[in-house]
């Protein structure tokens, strides 16, 4: 199944090389966000927010074909 995956800010370094030039990526059906992130070696403690189709979700959310996934690290500033 295909999804759109975006890793933002410091998390972008975990995007697999073969996925960097594509807006969609192929994953196995029934995969959760947590399983997806673990499969590409994103440390879960580095993740602050996860959005699927514009909605803030938890890492146990199971992904569906065509989902848009955005993953953000904590942000500091002042």
C-alpha atoms as a PDB file:
ATOM      1  CA  UNK A   1       0.000   0.000   0.000  1.00  0.00           C
ATOM      2  CA  UNK A   2       1.154   3.551  -0.617  1.00  0.00           C
ATOM      3  CA  UNK A   3       1.303   6.449   1.836  1.00  0.00           C
ATOM      4  CA  UNK A   4       2.759   9.936   1.806  1.00  0.00           C
ATOM      5  CA  UNK A   5       5.439  10.317   4.490  1.00  0.00           C
ATOM      6  CA  UNK A   6       7.074  13.527   5.682  1.00  0.00           C
ATOM      7  CA  UNK A   7       9.683  13.642   8.443  1.00  0.00           C
ATOM      8  CA  UNK A   8      10.231  17.236   9.547  1.00  0.00           C
ATOM      9  CA  UNK A   9      13.228  19.166  10.903  1.00  0.00           C
ATOM     10  CA  UNK A  10      15.807  16.962  12.633  1.00  0.00           C
ATOM     11  CA  UNK A  11      13.820  13.796  11.838  1.00  0.00           C
ATOM     12  CA  UNK A  12      14.374  14.209   8.087  1.00  0.00           C
ATOM     13  CA  UNK A  13      17.777  12.526   8.408  1.00  0.00           C
ATOM     14  CA  UNK A  14      16.001   9.209   9.075  1.00  0.00           C
ATOM     15  CA  UNK A  15      14.212   9.175   5.725  1.00  0.00           C
ATOM     16  CA  UNK A  16      15.542   6.156   3.808  1.00  0.00           C
ATOM     17  CA  UNK A  17      17.591   7.127   0.760  1.00  0.00           C
ATOM     18  CA  UNK A  18      15.274   5.273  -1.637  1.00  0.00           C
ATOM     19  CA  UNK A  19      12.292   7.334  -0.344  1.00  0.00           C
ATOM     20  CA  UNK A  20      13.917  10.794  -0.414  1.00  0.00           C
ATOM     21  CA  UNK A  21      12.920  11.676  -3.983  1.00  0.00           C
ATOM     22  CA  UNK A  22       9.335  10.465  -3.855  1.00  0.00           C
ATOM     23  CA  UNK A  23       6.168  11.921  -2.401  1.00  0.00           C
ATOM     24  CA  UNK A  24       4.730   8.444  -1.808  1.00  0.00           C
ATOM     25  CA  UNK A  25       6.274   5.353  -0.262  1.00  0.00           C
ATOM     26  CA  UNK A  26       5.299   1.695  -0.338  1.00  0.00           C
ATOM     27  CA  UNK A  27       4.675  -0.050   3.017  1.00  0.00           C
ATOM     28  CA  UNK A  28       3.019  -3.295   4.038  1.00  0.00           C
ATOM     29  CA  UNK A  29      -0.689  -3.267   4.855  1.00  0.00           C
ATOM     30  CA  UNK A  30      -1.785  -3.093   8.489  1.00  0.00           C
ATOM     31  CA  UNK A  31       1.338  -1.263   9.643  1.00  0.00           C
ATOM     32  CA  UNK A  32       1.016   1.179  12.540  1.00  0.00           C
ATOM     33  CA  UNK A  33       2.825   4.513  12.664  1.00  0.00           C
ATOM     34  CA  UNK A  34       5.055   3.077  15.398  1.00  0.00           C
ATOM     35  CA  UNK A  35       5.990   0.064  13.255  1.00  0.00           C
ATOM     36  CA  UNK A  36       6.713   2.350  10.307  1.00  0.00           C
ATOM     37  CA  UNK A  37       8.988   4.595  12.385  1.00  0.00           C
ATOM     38  CA  UNK A  38      10.783   1.612  13.933  1.00  0.00           C
ATOM     39  CA  UNK A  39      11.323   0.108  10.459  1.00  0.00           C
ATOM     40  CA  UNK A  40      13.227   3.217   9.359  1.00  0.00           C
ATOM     41  CA  UNK A  41      15.064   3.566  12.695  1.00  0.00           C
ATOM     42  CA  UNK A  42      13.390   6.761  13.943  1.00  0.00           C
ATOM     43  CA  UNK A  43      13.808   6.828  17.747  1.00  0.00           C
ATOM     44  CA  UNK A  44      10.325   7.207  19.212  1.00  0.00           C
ATOM     45  CA  UNK A  45      11.635   9.445  21.986  1.00  0.00           C
ATOM     46  CA  UNK A  46      12.647  11.931  19.252  1.00  0.00           C
ATOM     47  CA  UNK A  47       9.029  12.220  18.055  1.00  0.00           C
ATOM     48  CA  UNK A  48       6.734  14.858  19.553  1.00  0.00           C
ATOM     49  CA  UNK A  49       3.729  14.916  17.206  1.00  0.00           C
ATOM     50  CA  UNK A  50       2.305  12.628  14.544  1.00  0.00           C
ATOM     51  CA  UNK A  51      -0.355  13.720  12.084  1.00  0.00           C
ATOM     52  CA  UNK A  52      -2.263  11.390   9.763  1.00  0.00           C
ATOM     53  CA  UNK A  53      -4.420  13.174   7.202  1.00  0.00           C
ATOM     54  CA  UNK A  54      -4.105  16.382   9.225  1.00  0.00           C
ATOM     55  CA  UNK A  55      -5.262  14.848  12.519  1.00  0.00           C
ATOM     56  CA  UNK A  56      -2.980  14.461  15.541  1.00  0.00           C
ATOM     57  CA  UNK A  57      -2.756  10.714  16.306  1.00  0.00           C
ATOM     58  CA  UNK A  58      -0.918   8.337  18.604  1.00  0.00           C
ATOM     59  CA  UNK A  59       1.830   6.028  17.401  1.00  0.00           C
ATOM     60  CA  UNK A  60      -0.471   2.977  17.539  1.00  0.00           C
ATOM     61  CA  UNK A  61      -2.640   4.349  14.687  1.00  0.00           C
ATOM     62  CA  UNK A  62      -2.865   1.780  11.872  1.00  0.00           C
ATOM     63  CA  UNK A  63      -2.177   3.292   8.474  1.00  0.00           C
ATOM     64  CA  UNK A  64      -4.383   2.926   5.420  1.00  0.00           C
ATOM     65  CA  UNK A  65      -3.730   3.217   1.716  1.00  0.00           C
ATOM     66  CA  UNK A  66      -3.314   6.838   0.674  1.00  0.00           C
ATOM     67  CA  UNK A  67      -2.752   8.217   4.189  1.00  0.00           C
ATOM     68  CA  UNK A  68      -0.660  11.375   4.562  1.00  0.00           C
ATOM     69  CA  UNK A  69       1.727  11.060   7.519  1.00  0.00           C
ATOM     70  CA  UNK A  70       3.682  13.939   9.058  1.00  0.00           C
ATOM     71  CA  UNK A  71       6.101  13.368  11.951  1.00  0.00           C
ATOM     72  CA  UNK A  72       7.539  16.243  14.004  1.00  0.00           C
ATOM     73  CA  UNK A  73      10.256  16.443  16.663  1.00  0.00           C
ATOM     74  CA  UNK A  74      10.002  18.679  19.749  1.00  0.00           C
ATOM     75  CA  UNK A  75      10.602  22.302  18.850  1.00  0.00           C
ATOM     76  CA  UNK A  76      12.432  24.813  21.011  1.00  0.00           C
ATOM     77  CA  UNK A  77      12.677  28.505  20.539  1.00  0.00           C
ATOM     78  CA  UNK A  78      12.138  31.775  22.133  1.00  0.00           C
END
